[in-house]
Amino acid sequence: MYVALNLIFLAILILLFRHWANGQPLAKYLLPALAVKLVAGVAIGILYQYYYQGGDTLFLFEQSGHLAGLLRNSPRAFWFFPHETQFKDLYYFGVFKDLNPRVLFFGKFTAIFHLLTGGNYWLIGAYYSLFSLVGLWLCANQLAHRFKSAAPALAWSFFFFPSTALWSSGLLKESLLWGFLGTATALVLHHLYRAPDKARAAPLRILHAAGHLTLFAGCLYGLFQLKYYYLAALIPSLAALVIARAVQLRAKARWGPTLVFVVMFTGFLGIATQLHPSLHPEKLAVSLVRNYEVMADATDIDNLVYYSFAPNRLSVVQNMPRAWWAALFVPLPWEAGSNPLKMLVGLENLGLLCLAIYQLFGLAQTIKAKQPVFPPGTWPLAMAGLAYIALLAVMLALATANIGTLLRYKNGFMPFFVALLLPKRTSRGSTRSPT
């Protein structure tokens, strides 16, 4: 009964999504993207159950089941768990192995779907895959409005790039991550670049804006609860973009928006370090080294991303080039050994490396010819994307010693990176190098 009702409900959601997506720049890619996402969600479950024989997705599903029982018996206990001693004594020992805030948030969020689906792992994975696709879809289409020649590249990088499709599907934190991250980014781009809506009555415009603001705040909250360091990279990038865009609309000098973006990004980055104690400048290096060492102790040497760095700022800066390389291109095929999954990822990374080299040559030619690197009016947006990729990539890589874990984590920026590397179509249908 649960299965039939949920399948009907999912079908209704998909039909509504398809109807709403008509007219969007990437509308023709929706059904293939949906099929890939749902299949990838099933593949995640199979991979963890039969290949890894355990792991995050199964552990989180188990935790959500305990929390679903708590929700069913006492919504108040569910809401306050584990911050009231009586609930901690009742449910902590022997049941909850991890009270990390992001695990609790994910578990509580999933507990609702646990009750909705009757505890069906595969149905919860389908809901999460759809939620992830919505965020990816919103973000990709907003970018496609700005970079019209990049529509096929955006579709491939956000919907069909193998690592992104797999590791942002099913019952994983990364699925929720992209639902929140993609929606928040899309809302900013929508209001930043849209034409004024004068046809709609003022009260409706206010209501519309209030709804979007509430949704944006909810996405930021969810993103903070899941992975605060993603938010620490997103906020400076988007905030600096908003101000640089305002300057761009008024300034005559081309360098004006660039200078403003750099200054504002630096300032907002300082504010972002206050989001969490681990991000404070005096503690960041220590936090990175501690996280790295804890993960390194539990990682086989074949899967280790090796750094030799101390808990101080100079050492972190010295290791940044290695961290960027690890985040963007590790492993390569000759580093895979006999692991078939690492070999597939290695081939994927080799393709990205070749594309990066190709784009660097194209960039040099574009600059030499004194042609614009990005379409007119999009330079602040391109800077925001580059800043977000660079900042998040280095933070994730320095704190993550395990190649497999890094592969999953870096999907928070990988669609943007792949979209930058893929060739774009000109008006004549040919391809051109750089972005």
Protein backbone atom coordinates (compact mmCIF):
# COMPACT_ATOMS: atom_id res chain seq x y z
CA MET A 1 0.00 0.00 0.00
CA TYR A 2 2.80 2.42 0.94
CA VAL A 3 4.64 1.62 -2.28
CA ALA A 4 1.63 2.16 -4.54
CA LEU A 5 0.65 5.45 -2.91
CA ASN A 6 4.18 6.81 -3.03
CA LEU A 7 4.66 5.81 -6.66
CA ILE A 8 1.46 7.66 -7.55
CA PHE A 9 2.59 10.69 -5.57
CA LEU A 10 6.02 10.63 -7.21
CA ALA A 11 4.39 10.41 -10.64
CA ILE A 12 2.26 13.46 -9.84
CA LEU A 13 5.31 15.40 -8.69
CA ILE A 14 7.19 14.48 -11.85
CA LEU A 15 4.28 15.55 -14.08
CA LEU A 16 4.02 18.88 -12.26
CA PHE A 17 7.78 19.34 -12.55
CA ARG A 18 7.68 18.60 -16.27
CA HIS A 19 4.80 21.03 -16.82
CA TRP A 20 6.57 23.77 -14.87
CA ALA A 21 9.87 23.17 -16.71
CA ASN A 22 8.36 23.73 -20.17
CA GLY A 23 9.85 26.83 -21.75
CA GLN A 24 13.08 26.67 -19.77
CA PRO A 25 16.35 26.74 -21.78
CA LEU A 26 17.16 23.12 -20.89
CA ALA A 27 13.60 21.75 -21.12
CA LYS A 28 14.49 19.09 -23.71
CA TYR A 29 16.95 17.52 -21.27
CA LEU A 30 14.48 17.07 -18.40
CA LEU A 31 13.21 13.54 -19.02
CA PRO A 32 16.67 12.06 -19.75
CA ALA A 33 18.02 13.86 -16.68
CA LEU A 34 15.20 12.50 -14.56
CA ALA A 35 15.80 8.96 -15.80
CA VAL A 36 19.53 9.22 -15.07
CA LYS A 37 18.86 10.60 -11.59
CA LEU A 38 16.42 7.87 -10.59
CA VAL A 39 18.68 5.11 -11.94
CA ALA A 40 21.66 6.66 -10.16
CA GLY A 41 19.71 6.65 -6.88
CA VAL A 42 19.14 2.91 -7.23
CA ALA A 43 22.78 2.42 -8.20
CA ILE A 44 23.91 4.15 -4.99
CA GLY A 45 21.89 1.73 -2.91
CA ILE A 46 23.22 -1.28 -4.78
CA LEU A 47 26.80 0.02 -4.60
CA TYR A 48 26.72 0.48 -0.83
CA GLN A 49 24.80 -2.70 -0.06
CA TYR A 50 26.62 -5.17 -2.29
CA TYR A 51 30.01 -3.60 -3.10
CA TYR A 52 30.91 -1.62 0.01
CA GLN A 53 28.62 -3.75 2.22
CA GLY A 54 27.90 -0.78 4.43
CA GLY A 55 28.58 2.94 4.54
CA ASP A 56 26.96 6.32 5.02
CA THR A 57 23.71 5.77 3.18
CA LEU A 58 22.81 2.60 5.10
CA PHE A 59 23.94 4.02 8.45
CA LEU A 60 21.92 7.20 7.89
CA PHE A 61 18.88 5.17 6.87
CA GLU A 62 19.14 3.18 10.10
CA GLN A 63 19.46 6.36 12.17
CA SER A 64 16.47 7.92 10.44
CA GLY A 65 14.44 4.82 11.31
CA HIS A 66 15.14 5.30 15.02
CA LEU A 67 14.22 8.96 14.73
CA ALA A 68 11.04 8.08 12.83
CA GLY A 69 10.00 5.89 15.76
CA LEU A 70 10.71 8.79 18.09
CA LEU A 71 8.65 11.11 15.88
CA ARG A 72 5.76 8.67 15.83
CA ASN A 73 5.74 8.27 19.62
CA SER A 74 6.52 11.83 20.70
CA PRO A 75 6.90 14.74 18.26
CA ARG A 76 8.17 16.88 21.13
CA ALA A 77 10.89 14.39 21.97
CA PHE A 78 11.78 14.22 18.28
CA TRP A 79 12.03 18.00 17.99
CA PHE A 80 14.22 18.49 21.06
CA PHE A 81 16.38 15.37 20.73
CA PRO A 82 19.14 15.20 21.93
CA HIS A 83 19.18 18.52 23.79
CA GLU A 84 17.03 17.42 26.73
CA THR A 85 18.67 14.98 29.09
CA GLN A 86 15.68 12.65 29.42
CA PHE A 87 15.58 12.07 25.67
CA LYS A 88 19.35 11.62 25.47
CA ASP A 89 19.24 9.00 28.24
CA LEU A 90 16.40 7.15 26.53
CA TYR A 91 17.70 7.06 22.97
CA TYR A 92 21.40 7.73 22.89
CA PHE A 93 23.18 4.73 24.35
CA GLY A 94 23.29 1.74 22.04
CA VAL A 95 21.16 3.36 19.33
CA PHE A 96 22.69 6.62 18.13
CA LYS A 97 26.33 6.16 17.21
CA ASP A 98 26.84 9.70 15.91
CA LEU A 99 25.34 12.92 17.29
CA ASN A 100 27.15 15.14 14.83
CA PRO A 101 24.76 18.03 14.02
CA ARG A 102 24.74 17.29 10.28
CA VAL A 103 23.96 13.60 10.93
CA LEU A 104 21.12 14.59 13.26
CA PHE A 105 19.73 17.11 10.77
CA PHE A 106 19.85 14.58 7.95
CA GLY A 107 18.36 11.89 10.17
CA LYS A 108 15.48 14.09 11.29
CA PHE A 109 14.81 15.27 7.75
CA THR A 110 14.84 11.69 6.51
CA ALA A 111 12.65 10.48 9.39
CA ILE A 112 9.72 12.34 7.85
CA PHE A 113 10.18 10.46 4.58
CA HIS A 114 10.73 7.27 6.57
CA LEU A 115 7.20 7.60 7.91
CA LEU A 116 5.82 8.71 4.55
CA THR A 117 7.22 5.67 2.71
CA GLY A 118 6.75 3.10 5.45
CA GLY A 119 10.52 2.80 5.85
CA ASN A 120 11.23 1.97 2.20
CA TYR A 121 14.88 2.79 1.43
CA TRP A 122 14.38 2.87 -2.35
CA LEU A 123 11.40 5.21 -2.23
CA ILE A 124 13.26 7.64 0.04
CA GLY A 125 16.15 7.51 -2.44
CA ALA A 126 13.75 8.37 -5.27
CA TYR A 127 12.42 11.40 -3.39
CA TYR A 128 15.95 12.58 -2.65
CA SER A 129 17.05 12.08 -6.25
CA LEU A 130 14.12 14.21 -7.38
CA PHE A 131 14.93 16.86 -4.76
CA SER A 132 18.54 16.96 -5.94
CA LEU A 133 17.48 17.26 -9.57
CA VAL A 134 15.24 20.23 -8.75
CA GLY A 135 18.19 22.14 -7.28
CA LEU A 136 20.50 21.20 -10.14
CA TRP A 137 17.79 22.04 -12.67
CA LEU A 138 17.04 25.48 -11.23
CA CYS A 139 20.71 26.42 -11.07
CA ALA A 140 21.60 25.10 -14.52
CA ASN A 141 18.67 26.88 -16.19
CA GLN A 142 19.48 30.20 -14.56
CA LEU A 143 23.03 29.88 -15.86
CA ALA A 144 21.71 28.88 -19.30
CA HIS A 145 19.74 32.14 -19.41
CA ARG A 146 23.01 34.02 -18.94
CA PHE A 147 25.30 31.79 -21.05
CA LYS A 148 23.09 30.77 -23.97
CA SER A 149 25.92 29.20 -25.96
CA ALA A 150 26.71 26.95 -22.99
CA ALA A 151 23.32 25.23 -22.74
CA PRO A 152 24.55 21.76 -23.89
CA ALA A 153 27.62 22.05 -21.68
CA LEU A 154 25.48 23.00 -18.68
CA ALA A 155 23.10 20.10 -19.32
CA TRP A 156 25.97 17.63 -19.50
CA SER A 157 27.80 18.96 -16.44
CA PHE A 158 24.75 19.31 -14.17
CA PHE A 159 22.68 16.30 -15.27
CA PHE A 160 24.82 13.70 -17.03
CA PHE A 161 28.41 14.00 -15.82
CA PRO A 162 28.89 10.53 -14.28
CA SER A 163 30.31 11.48 -10.88
CA THR A 164 27.79 14.27 -10.33
CA ALA A 165 24.87 12.14 -11.47
CA LEU A 166 25.87 9.29 -9.15
CA TRP A 167 27.07 11.05 -6.00
CA SER A 168 24.20 13.54 -5.79
CA SER A 169 21.49 10.88 -6.03
CA GLY A 170 19.73 8.52 -3.68
CA LEU A 171 19.79 8.63 0.10
CA LEU A 172 22.94 10.72 0.54
CA LYS A 173 23.63 14.06 2.21
CA GLU A 174 24.87 15.31 -1.16
CA SER A 175 21.37 14.89 -2.62
CA LEU A 176 19.92 17.27 -0.05
CA LEU A 177 22.97 19.47 -0.45
CA TRP A 178 22.26 20.09 -4.12
CA GLY A 179 18.58 20.68 -3.47
CA PHE A 180 19.51 23.50 -1.09
CA LEU A 181 22.63 24.77 -2.89
CA GLY A 182 21.11 24.80 -6.36
CA THR A 183 17.88 26.46 -5.27
CA ALA A 184 19.64 29.18 -3.26
CA THR A 185 21.99 29.99 -6.14
CA ALA A 186 19.15 30.03 -8.65
CA LEU A 187 17.10 32.43 -6.53
CA VAL A 188 19.98 34.92 -6.37
CA LEU A 189 20.60 34.73 -10.12
CA HIS A 190 16.89 35.04 -10.87
CA HIS A 191 16.49 38.29 -8.95
CA LEU A 192 19.87 39.65 -9.95
CA TYR A 193 19.41 39.39 -13.71
CA ARG A 194 15.65 39.40 -14.32
CA ALA A 195 13.84 42.35 -15.85
CA PRO A 196 11.52 44.34 -13.53
CA ASP A 197 8.05 42.76 -13.32
CA LYS A 198 5.82 45.78 -13.88
CA ALA A 199 2.80 43.81 -15.08
CA ARG A 200 2.19 42.21 -11.68
CA ALA A 201 0.40 44.23 -9.00
CA ALA A 202 2.56 45.60 -6.18
CA PRO A 203 1.06 43.38 -3.43
CA LEU A 204 1.68 40.30 -5.56
CA ARG A 205 5.26 41.38 -6.22
CA ILE A 206 5.83 41.80 -2.49
CA LEU A 207 4.27 38.41 -1.76
CA HIS A 208 6.35 36.80 -4.50
CA ALA A 209 9.56 38.35 -3.15
CA ALA A 210 8.70 37.35 0.42
CA GLY A 211 8.12 33.77 -0.67
CA HIS A 212 11.46 33.66 -2.45
CA LEU A 213 13.23 35.23 0.53
CA THR A 214 11.72 32.63 2.88
CA LEU A 215 12.75 29.83 0.54
CA PHE A 216 16.26 31.28 0.25
CA ALA A 217 16.62 31.50 4.04
CA GLY A 218 15.41 27.90 4.37
CA CYS A 219 17.97 26.73 1.83
CA LEU A 220 20.78 28.55 3.63
CA TYR A 221 19.70 26.99 6.92
CA GLY A 222 19.61 23.51 5.40
CA LEU A 223 22.99 24.05 3.77
CA PHE A 224 24.49 25.25 7.05
CA GLN A 225 23.13 22.24 8.92
CA LEU A 226 24.40 19.76 6.33
CA LYS A 227 27.81 21.22 5.41
CA TYR A 228 28.61 24.65 6.77
CA TYR A 229 31.87 24.91 4.82
CA TYR A 230 29.94 24.84 1.54
CA LEU A 231 27.97 27.81 2.83
CA ALA A 232 31.22 29.53 3.81
CA ALA A 233 32.28 29.39 0.15
CA LEU A 234 28.86 30.23 -1.31
CA ILE A 235 28.03 33.35 0.72
CA PRO A 236 31.13 35.42 -0.20
CA SER A 237 30.78 34.42 -3.86
CA LEU A 238 27.09 35.36 -4.16
CA ALA A 239 27.30 38.48 -1.98
CA ALA A 240 30.27 39.85 -3.92
CA LEU A 241 28.47 39.01 -7.17
CA VAL A 242 25.41 41.03 -6.15
CA ILE A 243 27.48 44.13 -5.40
CA ALA A 244 29.74 43.74 -8.46
CA ARG A 245 26.67 43.36 -10.66
CA ALA A 246 25.21 46.60 -9.26
CA VAL A 247 28.48 48.38 -10.02
CA GLN A 248 28.60 46.85 -13.49
CA LEU A 249 25.21 48.33 -14.35
CA ARG A 250 26.43 51.82 -13.45
CA ALA A 251 30.19 51.93 -13.96
CA LYS A 252 31.78 52.80 -17.29
CA ALA A 253 35.23 51.38 -16.52
CA ARG A 254 35.54 47.68 -17.26
CA TRP A 255 37.88 47.09 -14.35
CA GLY A 256 35.41 48.58 -11.85
CA PRO A 257 33.27 45.46 -11.28
CA THR A 258 36.39 43.28 -11.10
CA LEU A 259 38.00 45.43 -8.42
CA VAL A 260 34.74 45.64 -6.48
CA PHE A 261 34.27 41.87 -6.65
CA VAL A 262 37.76 41.17 -5.31
CA VAL A 263 37.39 43.65 -2.44
CA MET A 264 33.86 42.51 -1.55
CA PHE A 265 34.73 38.82 -1.80
CA THR A 266 37.63 39.32 0.60
CA GLY A 267 35.40 41.22 3.03
CA PHE A 268 32.55 38.73 2.93
CA LEU A 269 35.03 35.89 3.28
CA GLY A 270 36.06 37.40 6.60
CA ILE A 271 32.40 37.44 7.65
CA ALA A 272 31.94 33.83 6.52
CA THR A 273 34.72 32.70 8.86
CA GLN A 274 32.37 33.54 11.73
CA LEU A 275 29.76 31.01 10.63
CA HIS A 276 31.34 28.22 12.67
CA PRO A 277 34.11 28.04 15.30
CA SER A 278 36.16 25.72 13.06
CA LEU A 279 36.27 28.44 10.39
CA HIS A 280 37.71 31.16 12.62
CA PRO A 281 41.03 32.31 11.11
CA GLU A 282 43.00 31.39 14.22
CA LYS A 283 41.44 27.90 14.30
CA LEU A 284 41.04 27.06 10.60
CA ALA A 285 44.49 25.58 10.05
CA VAL A 286 44.18 23.46 13.19
CA SER A 287 40.72 22.23 12.14
CA LEU A 288 41.92 21.29 8.66
CA VAL A 289 44.91 19.35 9.97
CA ARG A 290 42.84 17.61 12.65
CA ASN A 291 40.16 16.52 10.16
CA TYR A 292 42.81 15.34 7.76
CA GLU A 293 44.67 13.30 10.36
CA VAL A 294 41.52 11.63 11.72
CA MET A 295 40.52 10.54 8.23
CA ALA A 296 44.07 9.56 7.26
CA ASP A 297 44.29 7.19 10.24
CA ALA A 298 41.25 5.31 8.94
CA THR A 299 42.30 5.29 5.25
CA ASP A 300 44.26 2.65 3.36
CA ILE A 301 47.47 3.92 1.83
CA ASP A 302 46.11 3.22 -1.68
CA ASN A 303 43.24 5.65 -1.09
CA LEU A 304 45.21 8.33 0.75
CA VAL A 305 45.60 11.90 -0.48
CA TYR A 306 48.95 12.71 1.10
CA TYR A 307 49.98 16.09 2.49
CA SER A 308 52.78 16.97 4.83
CA PHE A 309 51.56 20.06 6.58
CA ALA A 310 51.46 21.58 10.04
CA PRO A 311 48.57 23.38 11.77
CA ASN A 312 49.65 26.87 10.75
CA ARG A 313 48.68 29.25 7.95
CA LEU A 314 52.00 29.14 6.11
CA SER A 315 51.88 25.36 5.83
CA VAL A 316 48.29 25.48 4.59
CA VAL A 317 49.22 28.02 1.90
CA GLN A 318 52.19 25.89 0.81
CA ASN A 319 49.91 22.88 0.35
CA MET A 320 47.24 24.72 -1.63
CA PRO A 321 48.58 23.77 -5.12
CA ARG A 322 48.61 20.09 -4.15
CA ALA A 323 45.11 20.46 -2.70
CA TRP A 324 43.73 22.01 -5.90
CA TRP A 325 45.29 19.25 -7.95
CA ALA A 326 43.80 16.58 -5.67
CA ALA A 327 40.34 18.17 -5.70
CA LEU A 328 40.20 18.56 -9.48
CA PHE A 329 42.16 15.69 -11.02
CA VAL A 330 42.94 12.91 -8.49
CA PRO A 331 42.97 10.00 -9.13
CA LEU A 332 44.25 9.55 -12.68
CA PRO A 333 44.06 6.11 -14.38
CA TRP A 334 47.61 5.06 -13.52
CA GLU A 335 46.83 5.72 -9.83
CA ALA A 336 43.83 3.37 -9.79
CA GLY A 337 45.66 0.08 -9.28
CA SER A 338 43.24 -2.84 -9.58
CA ASN A 339 40.22 -0.91 -8.28
CA PRO A 340 37.63 -0.73 -11.11
CA LEU A 341 35.76 2.23 -9.60
CA LYS A 342 38.97 4.22 -9.24
CA MET A 343 39.82 3.38 -12.83
CA LEU A 344 36.49 4.78 -14.04
CA VAL A 345 37.00 7.93 -11.98
CA GLY A 346 40.58 8.14 -13.26
CA LEU A 347 39.40 8.10 -16.86
CA GLU A 348 36.88 10.79 -16.01
CA ASN A 349 39.61 12.93 -14.42
CA LEU A 350 41.93 12.36 -17.36
CA GLY A 351 39.23 13.72 -19.64
CA LEU A 352 38.88 16.78 -17.41
CA LEU A 353 42.64 17.32 -17.42
CA CYS A 354 42.73 17.20 -21.23
CA LEU A 355 39.85 19.66 -21.37
CA ALA A 356 41.65 21.96 -18.93
CA ILE A 357 44.78 21.98 -21.10
CA TYR A 358 42.65 22.59 -24.20
CA GLN A 359 40.87 25.50 -22.52
CA LEU A 360 44.15 27.08 -21.38
CA PHE A 361 45.42 27.13 -24.96
CA GLY A 362 42.10 28.56 -26.12
CA LEU A 363 42.21 31.17 -23.36
CA ALA A 364 45.66 32.29 -24.48
CA GLN A 365 44.43 32.64 -28.07
CA THR A 366 41.36 34.60 -26.94
CA ILE A 367 43.41 37.03 -24.88
CA LYS A 368 45.95 37.42 -27.69
CA ALA A 369 43.13 38.25 -30.11
CA LYS A 370 41.75 40.77 -27.57
CA GLN A 371 38.38 39.04 -27.56
CA PRO A 372 36.12 38.78 -24.48
CA VAL A 373 36.70 35.63 -22.48
CA PHE A 374 33.06 35.54 -21.34
CA PRO A 375 29.91 36.94 -22.97
CA PRO A 376 29.32 40.66 -22.32
CA GLY A 377 27.82 41.38 -18.92
CA THR A 378 28.67 37.99 -17.41
CA TRP A 379 32.16 38.68 -16.06
CA PRO A 380 31.07 39.16 -12.39
CA LEU A 381 29.10 35.91 -12.56
CA ALA A 382 32.10 34.09 -14.01
CA MET A 383 34.31 35.50 -11.24
CA ALA A 384 31.84 34.30 -8.63
CA GLY A 385 31.93 30.80 -10.08
CA LEU A 386 35.71 30.71 -10.20
CA ALA A 387 36.03 32.02 -6.65
CA TYR A 388 33.54 29.47 -5.33
CA ILE A 389 35.29 26.58 -7.08
CA ALA A 390 38.77 27.64 -5.92
CA LEU A 391 37.78 28.25 -2.30
CA LEU A 392 35.64 25.15 -1.79
CA ALA A 393 38.06 22.88 -3.65
CA VAL A 394 41.02 23.81 -1.48
CA MET A 395 39.08 23.55 1.80
CA LEU A 396 37.63 20.16 0.94
CA ALA A 397 40.90 18.71 -0.30
CA LEU A 398 42.97 19.86 2.66
CA ALA A 399 40.49 18.42 5.16
CA THR A 400 39.87 15.14 3.31
CA ALA A 401 42.48 12.39 3.25
CA ASN A 402 40.36 9.73 1.54
CA ILE A 403 40.10 9.80 -2.26
CA GLY A 404 36.64 8.21 -2.27
CA THR A 405 35.28 10.66 0.28
CA LEU A 406 36.77 13.59 -1.61
CA LEU A 407 35.13 12.33 -4.80
CA ARG A 408 31.74 12.57 -3.10
CA TYR A 409 32.37 15.88 -1.36
CA LYS A 410 33.65 17.73 -4.41
CA ASN A 411 30.34 17.36 -6.21
CA GLY A 412 29.38 20.58 -4.47
CA PHE A 413 31.45 22.44 -7.07
CA MET A 414 32.10 19.89 -9.82
CA PRO A 415 29.15 20.83 -12.10
CA PHE A 416 30.42 24.42 -12.27
CA PHE A 417 33.96 23.25 -12.98
CA VAL A 418 32.92 20.84 -15.74
CA ALA A 419 30.71 23.51 -17.33
CA LEU A 420 33.70 25.86 -17.47
CA LEU A 421 35.85 23.25 -19.21
CA LEU A 422 33.44 21.94 -21.82
CA PRO A 423 33.57 23.65 -25.26
CA LYS A 424 30.69 26.00 -26.02
CA ARG A 425 28.70 26.37 -29.22
CA THR A 426 28.87 29.50 -31.34
CA SER A 427 25.91 30.86 -33.24
CA ARG A 428 26.96 28.81 -36.28
CA GLY A 429 26.90 25.59 -34.30
CA SER A 430 30.65 25.11 -34.18
CA THR A 431 32.52 24.84 -30.95
CA ARG A 432 34.92 27.29 -29.46
CA SER A 433 37.40 27.24 -26.67
CA PRO A 434 37.28 28.99 -23.76
CA THR A 435 34.30 29.69 -21.68
